[in-house]
């Protein structure tokens, strides 16, 4: 099956107001930049965004926050976005902060078709408020429900017409998990190749999880913090 669409605008055309979307990436690495820009241009509003990071002020999800298109943010790390902080403190933005491992596991549970998982992370903290807990072998665990996302937007290094994806390095942190978890998964890639061109042993996300794919353009590939050794 050929899953290729022409561009980001076509790929995200049916993302409507109020949608729940997952956005891959880790820091500024592996972000679906083209899809985010297309959503900004389309003007879709009241979004619930699930992402490890909240981007920075002028990049990634930060672009959606700047245009007030995000209603709720579900993240693990939000420390480098001043606009996010302002919206949070002013009550304009609903925020759910969860441990990074829990975020990953809830994505994984959705991909595996599991309704919930039990984890010790967050027991005895604000994370546990309102959540069911159980004791296994004398240790308390929180029940965390799998995510229920309408769309997953991921970015890969290479992909083929059947949706098979390969990631590079840190981009593999959350993109593969989220690719499994969305009802509709949209992949943008740096290089789009014919089916059969990728070594099967090197594929990280099988095409069965991907519904649409397109070749992106104009990737910035920012470096979050450049650290160099003193001379």
C-alpha atoms as a PDB file:
ATOM      1  CA  UNK A   1       0.000   0.000   0.000  1.00  0.00           C
ATOM      2  CA  UNK A   2       1.322   3.412  -0.998  1.00  0.00           C
ATOM      3  CA  UNK A   3       0.946   5.755   1.987  1.00  0.00           C
ATOM      4  CA  UNK A   4       2.681   8.772   0.483  1.00  0.00           C
ATOM      5  CA  UNK A   5       1.000  12.186   0.676  1.00  0.00           C
ATOM      6  CA  UNK A   6       2.324  15.267  -1.047  1.00  0.00           C
ATOM      7  CA  UNK A   7       3.190  17.472   1.905  1.00  0.00           C
ATOM      8  CA  UNK A   8       2.490  18.386   5.524  1.00  0.00           C
ATOM      9  CA  UNK A   9      -0.618  20.414   4.662  1.00  0.00           C
ATOM     10  CA  UNK A  10      -2.228  17.357   3.089  1.00  0.00           C
ATOM     11  CA  UNK A  11      -1.050  15.056   5.871  1.00  0.00           C
ATOM     12  CA  UNK A  12      -2.651  17.057   8.710  1.00  0.00           C
ATOM     13  CA  UNK A  13      -5.746  18.205   6.818  1.00  0.00           C
ATOM     14  CA  UNK A  14      -8.195  16.254   9.013  1.00  0.00           C
ATOM     15  CA  UNK A  15      -6.715  17.287  12.372  1.00  0.00           C
ATOM     16  CA  UNK A  16      -9.633  19.229  13.788  1.00  0.00           C
ATOM     17  CA  UNK A  17     -10.153  21.572  16.733  1.00  0.00           C
ATOM     18  CA  UNK A  18     -10.024  19.701  20.046  1.00  0.00           C
ATOM     19  CA  UNK A  19      -7.859  16.838  18.754  1.00  0.00           C
ATOM     20  CA  UNK A  20      -5.429  14.957  20.988  1.00  0.00           C
ATOM     21  CA  UNK A  21      -2.060  14.689  19.270  1.00  0.00           C
ATOM     22  CA  UNK A  22       1.254  13.094  20.167  1.00  0.00           C
ATOM     23  CA  UNK A  23       4.397  14.832  18.947  1.00  0.00           C
ATOM     24  CA  UNK A  24       7.659  12.945  18.775  1.00  0.00           C
ATOM     25  CA  UNK A  25      11.034  14.356  19.642  1.00  0.00           C
ATOM     26  CA  UNK A  26      13.496  14.653  22.485  1.00  0.00           C
ATOM     27  CA  UNK A  27      14.718  18.114  23.334  1.00  0.00           C
ATOM     28  CA  UNK A  28      15.036  19.724  19.913  1.00  0.00           C
ATOM     29  CA  UNK A  29      15.906  16.434  18.208  1.00  0.00           C
ATOM     30  CA  UNK A  30      13.479  14.487  16.038  1.00  0.00           C
ATOM     31  CA  UNK A  31      10.680  17.067  16.091  1.00  0.00           C
ATOM     32  CA  UNK A  32       8.001  16.880  13.338  1.00  0.00           C
ATOM     33  CA  UNK A  33       8.757  20.434  12.268  1.00  0.00           C
ATOM     34  CA  UNK A  34       6.797  20.405   9.012  1.00  0.00           C
ATOM     35  CA  UNK A  35       3.623  19.044  10.619  1.00  0.00           C
ATOM     36  CA  UNK A  36       3.773  21.615  13.422  1.00  0.00           C
ATOM     37  CA  UNK A  37       4.206  24.460  10.927  1.00  0.00           C
ATOM     38  CA  UNK A  38       1.256  23.153   8.900  1.00  0.00           C
ATOM     39  CA  UNK A  39      -0.970  23.064  11.999  1.00  0.00           C
ATOM     40  CA  UNK A  40       0.058  26.615  12.877  1.00  0.00           C
ATOM     41  CA  UNK A  41      -0.869  27.711   9.354  1.00  0.00           C
ATOM     42  CA  UNK A  42      -4.178  25.801   9.429  1.00  0.00           C
ATOM     43  CA  UNK A  43      -5.095  27.438  12.726  1.00  0.00           C
ATOM     44  CA  UNK A  44      -6.397  24.316  14.472  1.00  0.00           C
ATOM     45  CA  UNK A  45      -7.214  25.163  18.081  1.00  0.00           C
ATOM     46  CA  UNK A  46      -7.970  23.663  21.519  1.00  0.00           C
ATOM     47  CA  UNK A  47      -5.378  20.945  21.017  1.00  0.00           C
ATOM     48  CA  UNK A  48      -4.186  18.546  23.671  1.00  0.00           C
ATOM     49  CA  UNK A  49      -0.504  17.913  22.989  1.00  0.00           C
ATOM     50  CA  UNK A  50       1.401  14.930  24.376  1.00  0.00           C
ATOM     51  CA  UNK A  51       5.148  15.411  24.114  1.00  0.00           C
ATOM     52  CA  UNK A  52       8.235  14.858  26.210  1.00  0.00           C
ATOM     53  CA  UNK A  53       9.152  18.532  25.815  1.00  0.00           C
ATOM     54  CA  UNK A  54       7.177  21.736  25.325  1.00  0.00           C
ATOM     55  CA  UNK A  55       9.670  23.068  22.797  1.00  0.00           C
ATOM     56  CA  UNK A  56      11.271  26.478  23.079  1.00  0.00           C
ATOM     57  CA  UNK A  57       9.679  29.860  22.455  1.00  0.00           C
ATOM     58  CA  UNK A  58      10.200  29.995  18.691  1.00  0.00           C
ATOM     59  CA  UNK A  59      10.520  26.341  17.718  1.00  0.00           C
ATOM     60  CA  UNK A  60       8.631  23.059  17.926  1.00  0.00           C
ATOM     61  CA  UNK A  61       5.492  23.057  20.077  1.00  0.00           C
ATOM     62  CA  UNK A  62       6.508  26.541  21.178  1.00  0.00           C
ATOM     63  CA  UNK A  63       5.086  27.772  17.864  1.00  0.00           C
ATOM     64  CA  UNK A  64       1.667  26.327  18.733  1.00  0.00           C
ATOM     65  CA  UNK A  65       1.816  27.807  22.230  1.00  0.00           C
ATOM     66  CA  UNK A  66       2.662  31.234  20.839  1.00  0.00           C
ATOM     67  CA  UNK A  67      -0.511  31.218  18.728  1.00  0.00           C
ATOM     68  CA  UNK A  68      -2.659  29.920  21.632  1.00  0.00           C
ATOM     69  CA  UNK A  69      -3.596  26.757  19.733  1.00  0.00           C
ATOM     70  CA  UNK A  70      -2.850  24.426  22.665  1.00  0.00           C
ATOM     71  CA  UNK A  71      -5.471  23.907  25.371  1.00  0.00           C
ATOM     72  CA  UNK A  72      -3.625  21.267  27.389  1.00  0.00           C
ATOM     73  CA  UNK A  73      -0.021  20.131  27.535  1.00  0.00           C
ATOM     74  CA  UNK A  74       0.994  16.664  28.769  1.00  0.00           C
ATOM     75  CA  UNK A  75       4.775  16.616  29.181  1.00  0.00           C
ATOM     76  CA  UNK A  76       7.747  15.645  31.284  1.00  0.00           C
ATOM     77  CA  UNK A  77      10.084  18.596  30.766  1.00  0.00           C
ATOM     78  CA  UNK A  78       9.044  22.187  30.123  1.00  0.00           C
ATOM     79  CA  UNK A  79      11.932  24.194  31.500  1.00  0.00           C
ATOM     80  CA  UNK A  80      13.069  26.159  28.442  1.00  0.00           C
ATOM     81  CA  UNK A  81       9.880  27.816  27.236  1.00  0.00           C
ATOM     82  CA  UNK A  82       9.100  31.219  28.734  1.00  0.00           C
ATOM     83  CA  UNK A  83       5.726  31.483  26.979  1.00  0.00           C
ATOM     84  CA  UNK A  84       4.730  28.088  28.352  1.00  0.00           C
ATOM     85  CA  UNK A  85       5.623  29.293  31.842  1.00  0.00           C
ATOM     86  CA  UNK A  86       3.616  32.480  31.392  1.00  0.00           C
ATOM     87  CA  UNK A  87       0.506  30.625  30.179  1.00  0.00           C
ATOM     88  CA  UNK A  88       0.790  28.098  32.995  1.00  0.00           C
ATOM     89  CA  UNK A  89       1.113  30.701  35.755  1.00  0.00           C
ATOM     90  CA  UNK A  90      -1.695  32.837  34.308  1.00  0.00           C
ATOM     91  CA  UNK A  91      -4.072  29.872  34.124  1.00  0.00           C
ATOM     92  CA  UNK A  92      -4.386  30.056  30.333  1.00  0.00           C
ATOM     93  CA  UNK A  93      -2.942  26.567  29.799  1.00  0.00           C
ATOM     94  CA  UNK A  94      -3.890  23.283  31.416  1.00  0.00           C
ATOM     95  CA  UNK A  95      -0.791  21.239  32.197  1.00  0.00           C
ATOM     96  CA  UNK A  96      -0.214  17.645  33.266  1.00  0.00           C
ATOM     97  CA  UNK A  97       3.384  16.971  34.258  1.00  0.00           C
ATOM     98  CA  UNK A  98       4.283  13.300  34.517  1.00  0.00           C
ATOM     99  CA  UNK A  99       7.553  11.390  35.024  1.00  0.00           C
ATOM    100  CA  UNK A 100       9.417  10.753  31.796  1.00  0.00           C
ATOM    101  CA  UNK A 101       9.376   6.984  32.201  1.00  0.00           C
ATOM    102  CA  UNK A 102       5.638   7.060  32.853  1.00  0.00           C
ATOM    103  CA  UNK A 103       5.128   9.115  29.707  1.00  0.00           C
ATOM    104  CA  UNK A 104       7.029   6.542  27.674  1.00  0.00           C
ATOM    105  CA  UNK A 105       5.212   3.615  29.277  1.00  0.00           C
ATOM    106  CA  UNK A 106       1.778   5.133  28.679  1.00  0.00           C
ATOM    107  CA  UNK A 107       2.709   5.514  25.004  1.00  0.00           C
ATOM    108  CA  UNK A 108       3.894   1.921  24.931  1.00  0.00           C
ATOM    109  CA  UNK A 109       0.704   0.699  26.599  1.00  0.00           C
ATOM    110  CA  UNK A 110      -1.388   2.431  23.941  1.00  0.00           C
ATOM    111  CA  UNK A 111       0.684   0.825  21.197  1.00  0.00           C
ATOM    112  CA  UNK A 112       0.312  -2.615  22.757  1.00  0.00           C
ATOM    113  CA  UNK A 113      -3.431  -2.215  23.270  1.00  0.00           C
ATOM    114  CA  UNK A 114      -3.139  -2.310  27.080  1.00  0.00           C
ATOM    115  CA  UNK A 115      -5.630  -0.056  28.940  1.00  0.00           C
ATOM    116  CA  UNK A 116      -3.301   0.715  31.851  1.00  0.00           C
ATOM    117  CA  UNK A 117       0.007  -0.061  33.526  1.00  0.00           C
ATOM    118  CA  UNK A 118       1.224   0.006  37.127  1.00  0.00           C
ATOM    119  CA  UNK A 119       4.344   1.953  38.053  1.00  0.00           C
ATOM    120  CA  UNK A 120       6.052   2.977  41.316  1.00  0.00           C
ATOM    121  CA  UNK A 121       6.993   6.373  39.846  1.00  0.00           C
ATOM    122  CA  UNK A 122       5.119   9.188  41.558  1.00  0.00           C
ATOM    123  CA  UNK A 123       3.866   7.273  44.593  1.00  0.00           C
ATOM    124  CA  UNK A 124       3.569   9.648  47.551  1.00  0.00           C
ATOM    125  CA  UNK A 125       3.819  12.782  45.386  1.00  0.00           C
ATOM    126  CA  UNK A 126       1.387  15.165  43.673  1.00  0.00           C
ATOM    127  CA  UNK A 127       1.531  12.852  40.676  1.00  0.00           C
ATOM    128  CA  UNK A 128      -0.508  10.318  42.663  1.00  0.00           C
ATOM    129  CA  UNK A 129      -3.425  12.628  43.463  1.00  0.00           C
ATOM    130  CA  UNK A 130      -6.696  11.140  42.215  1.00  0.00           C
ATOM    131  CA  UNK A 131      -5.102   7.957  40.877  1.00  0.00           C
ATOM    132  CA  UNK A 132      -5.793   4.394  41.887  1.00  0.00           C
ATOM    133  CA  UNK A 133      -2.957   2.511  43.554  1.00  0.00           C
ATOM    134  CA  UNK A 134      -2.341  -1.127  44.363  1.00  0.00           C
ATOM    135  CA  UNK A 135       0.212  -3.045  46.376  1.00  0.00           C
ATOM    136  CA  UNK A 136       2.209  -5.826  44.729  1.00  0.00           C
ATOM    137  CA  UNK A 137       4.663  -7.850  46.819  1.00  0.00           C
ATOM    138  CA  UNK A 138       4.547  -5.235  49.549  1.00  0.00           C
ATOM    139  CA  UNK A 139       5.265  -2.260  47.238  1.00  0.00           C
ATOM    140  CA  UNK A 140       2.772   0.422  46.184  1.00  0.00           C
ATOM    141  CA  UNK A 141       2.184   1.176  42.514  1.00  0.00           C
ATOM    142  CA  UNK A 142       0.114   3.799  40.694  1.00  0.00           C
ATOM    143  CA  UNK A 143      -2.252   2.826  37.926  1.00  0.00           C
ATOM    144  CA  UNK A 144      -1.524   4.934  34.854  1.00  0.00           C
ATOM    145  CA  UNK A 145      -3.920   4.771  31.918  1.00  0.00           C
ATOM    146  CA  UNK A 146      -2.699   4.367  28.354  1.00  0.00           C
ATOM    147  CA  UNK A 147      -2.872   7.488  26.216  1.00  0.00           C
ATOM    148  CA  UNK A 148      -5.777   7.850  23.820  1.00  0.00           C
ATOM    149  CA  UNK A 149      -4.468  10.038  21.003  1.00  0.00           C
ATOM    150  CA  UNK A 150      -6.250  10.846  17.753  1.00  0.00           C
ATOM    151  CA  UNK A 151      -2.985  11.436  15.903  1.00  0.00           C
ATOM    152  CA  UNK A 152       0.729  10.765  16.367  1.00  0.00           C
ATOM    153  CA  UNK A 153       3.116  13.059  14.493  1.00  0.00           C
ATOM    154  CA  UNK A 154       6.628  11.674  14.191  1.00  0.00           C
ATOM    155  CA  UNK A 155       9.815  12.554  12.359  1.00  0.00           C
ATOM    156  CA  UNK A 156      12.235   9.964  10.982  1.00  0.00           C
ATOM    157  CA  UNK A 157      15.504   9.997   9.100  1.00  0.00           C
ATOM    158  CA  UNK A 158      14.422   7.653   6.313  1.00  0.00           C
ATOM    159  CA  UNK A 159      11.125   6.080   5.328  1.00  0.00           C
ATOM    160  CA  UNK A 160       9.651   4.159   2.413  1.00  0.00           C
ATOM    161  CA  UNK A 161       6.339   4.268   0.573  1.00  0.00           C
ATOM    162  CA  UNK A 162       4.902   1.569   2.867  1.00  0.00           C
ATOM    163  CA  UNK A 163       5.633   3.611   5.982  1.00  0.00           C
ATOM    164  CA  UNK A 164       8.651   1.718   7.321  1.00  0.00           C
ATOM    165  CA  UNK A 165      10.827   4.147   9.297  1.00  0.00           C
ATOM    166  CA  UNK A 166      14.426   4.526  10.427  1.00  0.00           C
ATOM    167  CA  UNK A 167      15.503   7.066  13.055  1.00  0.00           C
ATOM    168  CA  UNK A 168      18.916   8.435  13.943  1.00  0.00           C
ATOM    169  CA  UNK A 169      20.341   8.491  17.445  1.00  0.00           C
ATOM    170  CA  UNK A 170      18.367  10.548  19.999  1.00  0.00           C
ATOM    171  CA  UNK A 171      15.365  10.856  17.666  1.00  0.00           C
ATOM    172  CA  UNK A 172      14.638   7.234  18.608  1.00  0.00           C
ATOM    173  CA  UNK A 173      13.706   8.158  22.190  1.00  0.00           C
ATOM    174  CA  UNK A 174      10.002   8.937  21.757  1.00  0.00           C
ATOM    175  CA  UNK A 175       9.241   8.791  18.032  1.00  0.00           C
ATOM    176  CA  UNK A 176       9.024   4.964  17.820  1.00  0.00           C
ATOM    177  CA  UNK A 177       6.786   4.743  20.912  1.00  0.00           C
ATOM    178  CA  UNK A 178       4.424   7.421  19.669  1.00  0.00           C
ATOM    179  CA  UNK A 179       4.336   5.983  16.160  1.00  0.00           C
ATOM    180  CA  UNK A 180       2.773   2.855  17.673  1.00  0.00           C
ATOM    181  CA  UNK A 181       0.270   4.706  19.824  1.00  0.00           C
ATOM    182  CA  UNK A 182      -1.810   7.087  17.699  1.00  0.00           C
ATOM    183  CA  UNK A 183      -5.037   6.117  15.957  1.00  0.00           C
ATOM    184  CA  UNK A 184      -3.564   7.782  12.868  1.00  0.00           C
ATOM    185  CA  UNK A 185       0.209   8.091  12.619  1.00  0.00           C
ATOM    186  CA  UNK A 186       1.713  10.673  10.292  1.00  0.00           C
ATOM    187  CA  UNK A 187       5.424  10.437   9.557  1.00  0.00           C
ATOM    188  CA  UNK A 188       7.616  13.085   7.993  1.00  0.00           C
ATOM    189  CA  UNK A 189      11.043  11.967   6.837  1.00  0.00           C
ATOM    190  CA  UNK A 190      14.246  13.533   5.627  1.00  0.00           C
ATOM    191  CA  UNK A 191      14.570  10.974   2.848  1.00  0.00           C
ATOM    192  CA  UNK A 192      11.702   9.063   1.235  1.00  0.00           C
ATOM    193  CA  UNK A 193      12.677   5.919  -0.710  1.00  0.00           C
ATOM    194  CA  UNK A 194      10.809   3.197  -2.625  1.00  0.00           C
ATOM    195  CA  UNK A 195       9.526   0.157  -0.769  1.00  0.00           C
ATOM    196  CA  UNK A 196      12.224  -2.477  -0.407  1.00  0.00           C
ATOM    197  CA  UNK A 197      15.071   0.037  -0.274  1.00  0.00           C
ATOM    198  CA  UNK A 198      15.536  -0.149   3.504  1.00  0.00           C
ATOM    199  CA  UNK A 199      17.404  -2.993   5.174  1.00  0.00           C
ATOM    200  CA  UNK A 200      14.716  -4.860   7.170  1.00  0.00           C
ATOM    201  CA  UNK A 201      17.175  -5.318  10.050  1.00  0.00           C
ATOM    202  CA  UNK A 202      17.523  -1.537  10.361  1.00  0.00           C
ATOM    203  CA  UNK A 203      13.822  -0.606  10.441  1.00  0.00           C
ATOM    204  CA  UNK A 204      12.747   0.822  13.796  1.00  0.00           C
ATOM    205  CA  UNK A 205       9.033   1.392  13.102  1.00  0.00           C
ATOM    206  CA  UNK A 206       7.284  -1.146  10.849  1.00  0.00           C
ATOM    207  CA  UNK A 207       4.973   0.352   8.263  1.00  0.00           C
ATOM    208  CA  UNK A 208       1.908  -1.305   9.810  1.00  0.00           C
ATOM    209  CA  UNK A 209       1.846   1.522  12.368  1.00  0.00           C
ATOM    210  CA  UNK A 210       2.121   4.367   9.837  1.00  0.00           C
ATOM    211  CA  UNK A 211      -0.856   5.685   7.888  1.00  0.00           C
ATOM    212  CA  UNK A 212       0.649   8.662   6.022  1.00  0.00           C
ATOM    213  CA  UNK A 213       4.189   9.606   5.092  1.00  0.00           C
ATOM    214  CA  UNK A 214       5.803  12.489   3.249  1.00  0.00           C
ATOM    215  CA  UNK A 215       9.253  13.907   2.626  1.00  0.00           C
ATOM    216  CA  UNK A 216       9.814  16.996   4.749  1.00  0.00           C
ATOM    217  CA  UNK A 217      11.881  20.020   3.870  1.00  0.00           C
ATOM    218  CA  UNK A 218      13.865  22.883   5.373  1.00  0.00           C
ATOM    219  CA  UNK A 219      14.760  21.125   8.636  1.00  0.00           C
ATOM    220  CA  UNK A 220      16.580  23.394  11.072  1.00  0.00           C
ATOM    221  CA  UNK A 221      18.111  20.609  13.189  1.00  0.00           C
ATOM    222  CA  UNK A 222      18.803  22.942  16.066  1.00  0.00           C
ATOM    223  CA  UNK A 223      21.247  22.197  18.852  1.00  0.00           C
ATOM    224  CA  UNK A 224      19.635  22.792  22.242  1.00  0.00           C
ATOM    225  CA  UNK A 225      22.783  23.642  24.160  1.00  0.00           C
ATOM    226  CA  UNK A 226      26.206  23.728  22.583  1.00  0.00           C
ATOM    227  CA  UNK A 227      28.886  22.709  25.074  1.00  0.00           C
ATOM    228  CA  UNK A 228      32.518  22.808  24.078  1.00  0.00           C
ATOM    229  CA  UNK A 229      35.706  22.144  25.959  1.00  0.00           C
ATOM    230  CA  UNK A 230      37.803  25.135  26.917  1.00  0.00           C
ATOM    231  CA  UNK A 231      41.079  25.464  24.950  1.00  0.00           C
END
